[in-house]
Amino acid sequence: MHKPNSLLRQKNNEGGIGPIIGALIIVVILIAAAIYYWGQHLNTLEEQQQAAMRRAAALHIEQTHVIMSASSTLGTSTNIYDIQKDLNSIK
């Protein structure tokens, strides 16, 4: 009867590698999920920046058209009153 007890003790000590492997698999899955999430976050930021740049470019083009159309009706005088009159005509 002494031998079965010693076999049970040996079996209990040998099972330590399974939980370690399981924990490592969970950690690897969590790291992969974090990298995926971070990549999606960066893509979203890049899309927002591109949209903002497109809006800024469109606004710049619009402002350029306004200035170009207004410049044909503006005077060339350097008199302060004429400049104010030109500015008021742009509004």
PDB file of N, CA and C in Angstrom:
ATOM      1  N   MET A   1       0.799  -1.199   0.000  1.00  0.00           N
ATOM      2  CA  MET A   1       0.000   0.000   0.000  1.00  0.00           C
ATOM      3  C   MET A   1       0.841   1.261   0.000  1.00  0.00           C
ATOM      4  N   HIS A   2       2.036   1.116   0.309  1.00  0.00           N
ATOM      5  CA  HIS A   2       2.906   2.274   0.340  1.00  0.00           C
ATOM      6  C   HIS A   2       3.205   2.793  -1.070  1.00  0.00           C
ATOM      7  N   LYS A   3       3.273   1.959  -2.053  1.00  0.00           N
ATOM      8  CA  LYS A   3       3.581   2.355  -3.419  1.00  0.00           C
ATOM      9  C   LYS A   3       2.470   3.199  -4.072  1.00  0.00           C
ATOM     10  N   PRO A   4       1.191   2.900  -3.928  1.00  0.00           N
ATOM     11  CA  PRO A   4       0.172   3.740  -4.560  1.00  0.00           C
ATOM     12  C   PRO A   4       0.203   5.192  -4.077  1.00  0.00           C
ATOM     13  N   ASN A   5       0.505   5.404  -2.812  1.00  0.00           N
ATOM     14  CA  ASN A   5       0.585   6.776  -2.305  1.00  0.00           C
ATOM     15  C   ASN A   5       1.730   7.544  -2.955  1.00  0.00           C
ATOM     16  N   SER A   6       2.843   6.903  -3.157  1.00  0.00           N
ATOM     17  CA  SER A   6       3.983   7.583  -3.775  1.00  0.00           C
ATOM     18  C   SER A   6       3.696   7.871  -5.249  1.00  0.00           C
ATOM     19  N   LEU A   7       2.923   7.015  -5.937  1.00  0.00           N
ATOM     20  CA  LEU A   7       2.567   7.262  -7.332  1.00  0.00           C
ATOM     21  C   LEU A   7       1.607   8.452  -7.441  1.00  0.00           C
ATOM     22  N   LEU A   8       0.688   8.570  -6.519  1.00  0.00           N
ATOM     23  CA  LEU A   8      -0.229   9.703  -6.532  1.00  0.00           C
ATOM     24  C   LEU A   8       0.510  11.016  -6.308  1.00  0.00           C
ATOM     25  N   ARG A   9       1.477  11.002  -5.439  1.00  0.00           N
ATOM     26  CA  ARG A   9       2.253  12.216  -5.176  1.00  0.00           C
ATOM     27  C   ARG A   9       3.057  12.627  -6.412  1.00  0.00           C
ATOM     28  N   GLN A  10       3.587  11.675  -7.130  1.00  0.00           N
ATOM     29  CA  GLN A  10       4.367  11.987  -8.322  1.00  0.00           C
ATOM     30  C   GLN A  10       3.462  12.550  -9.422  1.00  0.00           C
ATOM     31  N   LYS A  11       2.294  11.995  -9.567  1.00  0.00           N
ATOM     32  CA  LYS A  11       1.363  12.487 -10.582  1.00  0.00           C
ATOM     33  C   LYS A  11       0.928  13.919 -10.301  1.00  0.00           C
ATOM     34  N   ASN A  12       0.707  14.290  -9.067  1.00  0.00           N
ATOM     35  CA  ASN A  12       0.296  15.646  -8.720  1.00  0.00           C
ATOM     36  C   ASN A  12       1.402  16.653  -9.022  1.00  0.00           C
ATOM     37  N   ASN A  13       2.639  16.272  -8.909  1.00  0.00           N
ATOM     38  CA  ASN A  13       3.745  17.190  -9.152  1.00  0.00           C
ATOM     39  C   ASN A  13       4.041  17.342 -10.639  1.00  0.00           C
ATOM     40  N   GLU A  14       3.654  16.428 -11.478  1.00  0.00           N
ATOM     41  CA  GLU A  14       3.980  16.473 -12.897  1.00  0.00           C
ATOM     42  C   GLU A  14       3.014  17.342 -13.699  1.00  0.00           C
ATOM     43  N   GLY A  15       1.884  17.725 -13.215  1.00  0.00           N
ATOM     44  CA  GLY A  15       0.864  18.430 -13.981  1.00  0.00           C
ATOM     45  C   GLY A  15       1.038  19.937 -14.024  1.00  0.00           C
ATOM     46  N   GLY A  16       2.179  20.515 -13.768  1.00  0.00           N
ATOM     47  CA  GLY A  16       2.379  21.956 -13.700  1.00  0.00           C
ATOM     48  C   GLY A  16       2.547  22.639 -15.046  1.00  0.00           C
ATOM     49  N   ILE A  17       2.806  21.931 -16.125  1.00  0.00           N
ATOM     50  CA  ILE A  17       3.085  22.564 -17.416  1.00  0.00           C
ATOM     51  C   ILE A  17       1.806  22.970 -18.151  1.00  0.00           C
ATOM     52  N   GLY A  18       0.717  22.274 -17.960  1.00  0.00           N
ATOM     53  CA  GLY A  18      -0.548  22.570 -18.647  1.00  0.00           C
ATOM     54  C   GLY A  18      -1.089  23.954 -18.354  1.00  0.00           C
ATOM     55  N   PRO A  19      -1.205  24.353 -17.105  1.00  0.00           N
ATOM     56  CA  PRO A  19      -1.695  25.692 -16.800  1.00  0.00           C
ATOM     57  C   PRO A  19      -0.778  26.802 -17.328  1.00  0.00           C
ATOM     58  N   ILE A  20       0.508  26.545 -17.363  1.00  0.00           N
ATOM     59  CA  ILE A  20       1.443  27.543 -17.882  1.00  0.00           C
ATOM     60  C   ILE A  20       1.215  27.746 -19.376  1.00  0.00           C
ATOM     61  N   ILE A  21       1.057  26.659 -20.107  1.00  0.00           N
ATOM     62  CA  ILE A  21       0.800  26.745 -21.544  1.00  0.00           C
ATOM     63  C   ILE A  21      -0.542  27.436 -21.799  1.00  0.00           C
ATOM     64  N   GLY A  22      -1.542  27.107 -21.020  1.00  0.00           N
ATOM     65  CA  GLY A  22      -2.849  27.752 -21.159  1.00  0.00           C
ATOM     66  C   GLY A  22      -2.769  29.250 -20.911  1.00  0.00           C
ATOM     67  N   ALA A  23      -2.034  29.636 -19.878  1.00  0.00           N
ATOM     68  CA  ALA A  23      -1.873  31.059 -19.572  1.00  0.00           C
ATOM     69  C   ALA A  23      -1.120  31.768 -20.694  1.00  0.00           C
ATOM     70  N   LEU A  24      -0.107  31.143 -21.258  1.00  0.00           N
ATOM     71  CA  LEU A  24       0.643  31.732 -22.364  1.00  0.00           C
ATOM     72  C   LEU A  24      -0.237  31.913 -23.602  1.00  0.00           C
ATOM     73  N   ILE A  25      -1.090  30.956 -23.882  1.00  0.00           N
ATOM     74  CA  ILE A  25      -2.006  31.068 -25.022  1.00  0.00           C
ATOM     75  C   ILE A  25      -2.964  32.239 -24.813  1.00  0.00           C
ATOM     76  N   ILE A  26      -3.475  32.387 -23.617  1.00  0.00           N
ATOM     77  CA  ILE A  26      -4.388  33.502 -23.321  1.00  0.00           C
ATOM     78  C   ILE A  26      -3.666  34.836 -23.473  1.00  0.00           C
ATOM     79  N   VAL A  27      -2.417  34.912 -22.997  1.00  0.00           N
ATOM     80  CA  VAL A  27      -1.648  36.156 -23.110  1.00  0.00           C
ATOM     81  C   VAL A  27      -1.388  36.491 -24.580  1.00  0.00           C
ATOM     82  N   VAL A  28      -1.048  35.489 -25.383  1.00  0.00           N
ATOM     83  CA  VAL A  28      -0.805  35.716 -26.810  1.00  0.00           C
ATOM     84  C   VAL A  28      -2.085  36.207 -27.497  1.00  0.00           C
ATOM     85  N   ILE A  29      -3.226  35.629 -27.159  1.00  0.00           N
ATOM     86  CA  ILE A  29      -4.495  36.063 -27.740  1.00  0.00           C
ATOM     87  C   ILE A  29      -4.808  37.502 -27.334  1.00  0.00           C
ATOM     88  N   LEU A  30      -4.567  37.847 -26.081  1.00  0.00           N
ATOM     89  CA  LEU A  30      -4.815  39.220 -25.625  1.00  0.00           C
ATOM     90  C   LEU A  30      -3.895  40.218 -26.325  1.00  0.00           C
ATOM     91  N   ILE A  31      -2.642  39.858 -26.532  1.00  0.00           N
ATOM     92  CA  ILE A  31      -1.707  40.741 -27.230  1.00  0.00           C
ATOM     93  C   ILE A  31      -2.150  40.933 -28.679  1.00  0.00           C
ATOM     94  N   ALA A  32      -2.559  39.852 -29.345  1.00  0.00           N
ATOM     95  CA  ALA A  32      -3.028  39.951 -30.727  1.00  0.00           C
ATOM     96  C   ALA A  32      -4.268  40.841 -30.811  1.00  0.00           C
ATOM     97  N   ALA A  33      -5.188  40.714 -29.871  1.00  0.00           N
ATOM     98  CA  ALA A  33      -6.394  41.547 -29.865  1.00  0.00           C
ATOM     99  C   ALA A  33      -6.031  43.015 -29.632  1.00  0.00           C
ATOM    100  N   ALA A  34      -5.079  43.279 -28.756  1.00  0.00           N
ATOM    101  CA  ALA A  34      -4.662  44.659 -28.494  1.00  0.00           C
ATOM    102  C   ALA A  34      -4.019  45.277 -29.732  1.00  0.00           C
ATOM    103  N   ILE A  35      -3.196  44.513 -30.435  1.00  0.00           N
ATOM    104  CA  ILE A  35      -2.561  45.017 -31.654  1.00  0.00           C
ATOM    105  C   ILE A  35      -3.621  45.295 -32.714  1.00  0.00           C
ATOM    106  N   TYR A  36      -4.591  44.415 -32.856  1.00  0.00           N
ATOM    107  CA  TYR A  36      -5.673  44.619 -33.821  1.00  0.00           C
ATOM    108  C   TYR A  36      -6.464  45.886 -33.476  1.00  0.00           C
ATOM    109  N   TYR A  37      -6.812  46.047 -32.211  1.00  0.00           N
ATOM    110  CA  TYR A  37      -7.579  47.215 -31.771  1.00  0.00           C
ATOM    111  C   TYR A  37      -6.786  48.494 -32.039  1.00  0.00           C
ATOM    112  N   TRP A  38      -5.495  48.490 -31.710  1.00  0.00           N
ATOM    113  CA  TRP A  38      -4.661  49.669 -31.917  1.00  0.00           C
ATOM    114  C   TRP A  38      -4.573  50.001 -33.411  1.00  0.00           C
ATOM    115  N   GLY A  39      -4.459  48.994 -34.263  1.00  0.00           N
ATOM    116  CA  GLY A  39      -4.416  49.217 -35.700  1.00  0.00           C
ATOM    117  C   GLY A  39      -5.704  49.848 -36.207  1.00  0.00           C
ATOM    118  N   GLN A  40      -6.838  49.387 -35.723  1.00  0.00           N
ATOM    119  CA  GLN A  40      -8.116  49.973 -36.113  1.00  0.00           C
ATOM    120  C   GLN A  40      -8.207  51.425 -35.661  1.00  0.00           C
ATOM    121  N   HIS A  41      -7.700  51.710 -34.474  1.00  0.00           N
ATOM    122  CA  HIS A  41      -7.708  53.076 -33.943  1.00  0.00           C
ATOM    123  C   HIS A  41      -6.863  53.985 -34.825  1.00  0.00           C
ATOM    124  N   LEU A  42      -5.689  53.515 -35.239  1.00  0.00           N
ATOM    125  CA  LEU A  42      -4.824  54.320 -36.107  1.00  0.00           C
ATOM    126  C   LEU A  42      -5.466  54.550 -37.467  1.00  0.00           C
ATOM    127  N   ASN A  43      -6.145  53.541 -38.008  1.00  0.00           N
ATOM    128  CA  ASN A  43      -6.833  53.704 -39.291  1.00  0.00           C
ATOM    129  C   ASN A  43      -7.933  54.753 -39.196  1.00  0.00           C
ATOM    130  N   THR A  44      -8.664  54.739 -38.100  1.00  0.00           N
ATOM    131  CA  THR A  44      -9.734  55.715 -37.895  1.00  0.00           C
ATOM    132  C   THR A  44      -9.161  57.133 -37.824  1.00  0.00           C
ATOM    133  N   LEU A  45      -8.050  57.288 -37.104  1.00  0.00           N
ATOM    134  CA  LEU A  45      -7.424  58.603 -37.007  1.00  0.00           C
ATOM    135  C   LEU A  45      -6.938  59.083 -38.377  1.00  0.00           C
ATOM    136  N   GLU A  46      -6.364  58.175 -39.148  1.00  0.00           N
ATOM    137  CA  GLU A  46      -5.869  58.543 -40.475  1.00  0.00           C
ATOM    138  C   GLU A  46      -7.020  58.965 -41.392  1.00  0.00           C
ATOM    139  N   GLU A  47      -8.131  58.247 -41.321  1.00  0.00           N
ATOM    140  CA  GLU A  47      -9.292  58.610 -42.134  1.00  0.00           C
ATOM    141  C   GLU A  47      -9.835  59.976 -41.736  1.00  0.00           C
ATOM    142  N   GLN A  48      -9.861  60.267 -40.441  1.00  0.00           N
ATOM    143  CA  GLN A  48     -10.338  61.566 -39.973  1.00  0.00           C
ATOM    144  C   GLN A  48      -9.410  62.682 -40.438  1.00  0.00           C
ATOM    145  N   GLN A  49      -8.108  62.443 -40.407  1.00  0.00           N
ATOM    146  CA  GLN A  49      -7.155  63.452 -40.864  1.00  0.00           C
ATOM    147  C   GLN A  49      -7.301  63.703 -42.358  1.00  0.00           C
ATOM    148  N   GLN A  50      -7.489  62.638 -43.132  1.00  0.00           N
ATOM    149  CA  GLN A  50      -7.663  62.808 -44.568  1.00  0.00           C
ATOM    150  C   GLN A  50      -8.943  63.580 -44.880  1.00  0.00           C
ATOM    151  N   ALA A  51     -10.010  63.290 -44.153  1.00  0.00           N
ATOM    152  CA  ALA A  51     -11.269  64.015 -44.363  1.00  0.00           C
ATOM    153  C   ALA A  51     -11.098  65.494 -44.010  1.00  0.00           C
ATOM    154  N   ALA A  52     -10.378  65.776 -42.939  1.00  0.00           N
ATOM    155  CA  ALA A  52     -10.141  67.169 -42.547  1.00  0.00           C
ATOM    156  C   ALA A  52      -9.307  67.889 -43.606  1.00  0.00           C
ATOM    157  N   MET A  53      -8.341  67.199 -44.174  1.00  0.00           N
ATOM    158  CA  MET A  53      -7.515  67.820 -45.212  1.00  0.00           C
ATOM    159  C   MET A  53      -8.336  68.077 -46.479  1.00  0.00           C
ATOM    160  N   ARG A  54      -9.245  67.162 -46.812  1.00  0.00           N
ATOM    161  CA  ARG A  54     -10.107  67.379 -47.979  1.00  0.00           C
ATOM    162  C   ARG A  54     -11.016  68.587 -47.756  1.00  0.00           C
ATOM    163  N   ARG A  55     -11.566  68.708 -46.535  1.00  0.00           N
ATOM    164  CA  ARG A  55     -12.418  69.866 -46.231  1.00  0.00           C
ATOM    165  C   ARG A  55     -11.616  71.165 -46.299  1.00  0.00           C
ATOM    166  N   ALA A  56     -10.391  71.138 -45.768  1.00  0.00           N
ATOM    167  CA  ALA A  56      -9.552  72.334 -45.796  1.00  0.00           C
ATOM    168  C   ALA A  56      -9.196  72.713 -47.232  1.00  0.00           C
ATOM    169  N   ALA A  57      -8.914  71.714 -48.064  1.00  0.00           N
ATOM    170  CA  ALA A  57      -8.583  71.994 -49.466  1.00  0.00           C
ATOM    171  C   ALA A  57      -9.793  72.581 -50.192  1.00  0.00           C
ATOM    172  N   ALA A  58     -10.971  72.025 -49.927  1.00  0.00           N
ATOM    173  CA  ALA A  58     -12.188  72.545 -50.564  1.00  0.00           C
ATOM    174  C   ALA A  58     -12.451  73.976 -50.113  1.00  0.00           C
ATOM    175  N   LEU A  59     -12.244  74.254 -48.828  1.00  0.00           N
ATOM    176  CA  LEU A  59     -12.443  75.611 -48.317  1.00  0.00           C
ATOM    177  C   LEU A  59     -11.442  76.571 -48.948  1.00  0.00           C
ATOM    178  N   HIS A  60     -10.215  76.128 -49.089  1.00  0.00           N
ATOM    179  CA  HIS A  60      -9.184  76.970 -49.706  1.00  0.00           C
ATOM    180  C   HIS A  60      -9.548  77.290 -51.154  1.00  0.00           C
ATOM    181  N   ILE A  61     -10.015  76.302 -51.881  1.00  0.00           N
ATOM    182  CA  ILE A  61     -10.428  76.523 -53.271  1.00  0.00           C
ATOM    183  C   ILE A  61     -11.589  77.510 -53.329  1.00  0.00           C
ATOM    184  N   GLU A  62     -12.542  77.340 -52.419  1.00  0.00           N
ATOM    185  CA  GLU A  62     -13.691  78.249 -52.383  1.00  0.00           C
ATOM    186  C   GLU A  62     -13.250  79.676 -52.076  1.00  0.00           C
ATOM    187  N   GLN A  63     -12.355  79.820 -51.101  1.00  0.00           N
ATOM    188  CA  GLN A  63     -11.859  81.149 -50.752  1.00  0.00           C
ATOM    189  C   GLN A  63     -11.081  81.762 -51.913  1.00  0.00           C
ATOM    190  N   THR A  64     -10.331  80.943 -52.623  1.00  0.00           N
ATOM    191  CA  THR A  64      -9.576  81.441 -53.767  1.00  0.00           C
ATOM    192  C   THR A  64     -10.522  81.965 -54.842  1.00  0.00           C
ATOM    193  N   HIS A  65     -11.615  81.234 -55.079  1.00  0.00           N
ATOM    194  CA  HIS A  65     -12.595  81.691 -56.064  1.00  0.00           C
ATOM    195  C   HIS A  65     -13.245  83.005 -55.641  1.00  0.00           C
ATOM    196  N   VAL A  66     -13.533  83.141 -54.362  1.00  0.00           N
ATOM    197  CA  VAL A  66     -14.137  84.378 -53.866  1.00  0.00           C
ATOM    198  C   VAL A  66     -13.164  85.536 -54.047  1.00  0.00           C
ATOM    199  N   ILE A  67     -11.912  85.310 -53.719  1.00  0.00           N
ATOM    200  CA  ILE A  67     -10.915  86.375 -53.842  1.00  0.00           C
ATOM    201  C   ILE A  67     -10.711  86.739 -55.308  1.00  0.00           C
ATOM    202  N   MET A  68     -10.649  85.722 -56.157  1.00  0.00           N
ATOM    203  CA  MET A  68     -10.435  85.987 -57.581  1.00  0.00           C
ATOM    204  C   MET A  68     -11.618  86.753 -58.186  1.00  0.00           C
ATOM    205  N   SER A  69     -12.814  86.380 -57.798  1.00  0.00           N
ATOM    206  CA  SER A  69     -13.980  87.092 -58.338  1.00  0.00           C
ATOM    207  C   SER A  69     -14.077  88.497 -57.760  1.00  0.00           C
ATOM    208  N   ALA A  70     -13.666  88.670 -56.526  1.00  0.00           N
ATOM    209  CA  ALA A  70     -13.726  89.991 -55.906  1.00  0.00           C
ATOM    210  C   ALA A  70     -12.614  90.895 -56.416  1.00  0.00           C
ATOM    211  N   SER A  71     -11.490  90.298 -56.770  1.00  0.00           N
ATOM    212  CA  SER A  71     -10.354  91.131 -57.184  1.00  0.00           C
ATOM    213  C   SER A  71     -10.634  91.859 -58.502  1.00  0.00           C
ATOM    214  N   SER A  72     -11.523  91.320 -59.305  1.00  0.00           N
ATOM    215  CA  SER A  72     -11.838  92.004 -60.564  1.00  0.00           C
ATOM    216  C   SER A  72     -12.674  93.257 -60.321  1.00  0.00           C
ATOM    217  N   THR A  73     -13.355  93.327 -59.196  1.00  0.00           N
ATOM    218  CA  THR A  73     -14.185  94.493 -58.904  1.00  0.00           C
ATOM    219  C   THR A  73     -13.533  95.439 -57.915  1.00  0.00           C
ATOM    220  N   LEU A  74     -12.372  95.073 -57.378  1.00  0.00           N
ATOM    221  CA  LEU A  74     -11.713  95.921 -56.387  1.00  0.00           C
ATOM    222  C   LEU A  74     -10.897  96.997 -57.080  1.00  0.00           C
ATOM    223  N   GLY A  75     -10.767  98.088 -56.397  1.00  0.00           N
ATOM    224  CA  GLY A  75      -9.958  99.182 -56.926  1.00  0.00           C
ATOM    225  C   GLY A  75      -8.491  98.971 -56.624  1.00  0.00           C
ATOM    226  N   THR A  76      -7.672  99.828 -57.165  1.00  0.00           N
ATOM    227  CA  THR A  76      -6.225  99.735 -56.949  1.00  0.00           C
ATOM    228  C   THR A  76      -5.716 100.880 -56.086  1.00  0.00           C
ATOM    229  N   SER A  77      -6.593 101.648 -55.521  1.00  0.00           N
ATOM    230  CA  SER A  77      -6.214 102.796 -54.709  1.00  0.00           C
ATOM    231  C   SER A  77      -5.636 102.340 -53.378  1.00  0.00           C
ATOM    232  N   THR A  78      -4.715 103.113 -52.837  1.00  0.00           N
ATOM    233  CA  THR A  78      -4.149 102.841 -51.511  1.00  0.00           C
ATOM    234  C   THR A  78      -4.769 103.735 -50.447  1.00  0.00           C
ATOM    235  N   ASN A  79      -5.760 104.491 -50.813  1.00  0.00           N
ATOM    236  CA  ASN A  79      -6.470 105.354 -49.880  1.00  0.00           C
ATOM    237  C   ASN A  79      -7.265 104.470 -48.920  1.00  0.00           C
ATOM    238  N   ILE A  80      -7.192 104.766 -47.640  1.00  0.00           N
ATOM    239  CA  ILE A  80      -7.831 103.953 -46.609  1.00  0.00           C
ATOM    240  C   ILE A  80      -9.334 103.851 -46.818  1.00  0.00           C
ATOM    241  N   TYR A  81      -9.972 104.891 -47.268  1.00  0.00           N
ATOM    242  CA  TYR A  81     -11.417 104.857 -47.475  1.00  0.00           C
ATOM    243  C   TYR A  81     -11.779 103.962 -48.664  1.00  0.00           C
ATOM    244  N   ASP A  82     -10.964 103.991 -49.690  1.00  0.00           N
ATOM    245  CA  ASP A  82     -11.201 103.121 -50.837  1.00  0.00           C
ATOM    246  C   ASP A  82     -10.988 101.642 -50.472  1.00  0.00           C
ATOM    247  N   ILE A  83      -9.983 101.400 -49.638  1.00  0.00           N
ATOM    248  CA  ILE A  83      -9.724 100.018 -49.188  1.00  0.00           C
ATOM    249  C   ILE A  83     -10.895  99.515 -48.347  1.00  0.00           C
ATOM    250  N   GLN A  84     -11.403 100.360 -47.441  1.00  0.00           N
ATOM    251  CA  GLN A  84     -12.552  99.978 -46.613  1.00  0.00           C
ATOM    252  C   GLN A  84     -13.762  99.718 -47.482  1.00  0.00           C
ATOM    253  N   LYS A  85     -13.962 100.542 -48.489  1.00  0.00           N
ATOM    254  CA  LYS A  85     -15.086 100.354 -49.420  1.00  0.00           C
ATOM    255  C   LYS A  85     -14.951  99.030 -50.164  1.00  0.00           C
ATOM    256  N   ASP A  86     -13.727  98.697 -50.582  1.00  0.00           N
ATOM    257  CA  ASP A  86     -13.492  97.415 -51.265  1.00  0.00           C
ATOM    258  C   ASP A  86     -13.772  96.241 -50.322  1.00  0.00           C
ATOM    259  N   LEU A  87     -13.347  96.352 -49.070  1.00  0.00           N
ATOM    260  CA  LEU A  87     -13.583  95.284 -48.092  1.00  0.00           C
ATOM    261  C   LEU A  87     -15.068  95.111 -47.829  1.00  0.00           C
ATOM    262  N   ASN A  88     -15.792  96.207 -47.734  1.00  0.00           N
ATOM    263  CA  ASN A  88     -17.227  96.131 -47.492  1.00  0.00           C
ATOM    264  C   ASN A  88     -17.955  95.499 -48.672  1.00  0.00           C
ATOM    265  N   SER A  89     -17.429  95.688 -49.867  1.00  0.00           N
ATOM    266  CA  SER A  89     -18.075  95.113 -51.047  1.00  0.00           C
ATOM    267  C   SER A  89     -17.870  93.606 -51.130  1.00  0.00           C
ATOM    268  N   ILE A  90     -16.861  93.068 -50.460  1.00  0.00           N
ATOM    269  CA  ILE A  90     -16.612  91.620 -50.471  1.00  0.00           C
ATOM    270  C   ILE A  90     -17.600  90.872 -49.596  1.00  0.00           C
ATOM    271  N   LYS A  91     -18.031  91.452 -48.501  1.00  0.00           N
ATOM    272  CA  LYS A  91     -18.925  90.789 -47.544  1.00  0.00           C
ATOM    273  C   LYS A  91     -20.174  90.413 -48.158  1.00  0.00           C
TER     274      LYS A  91
END
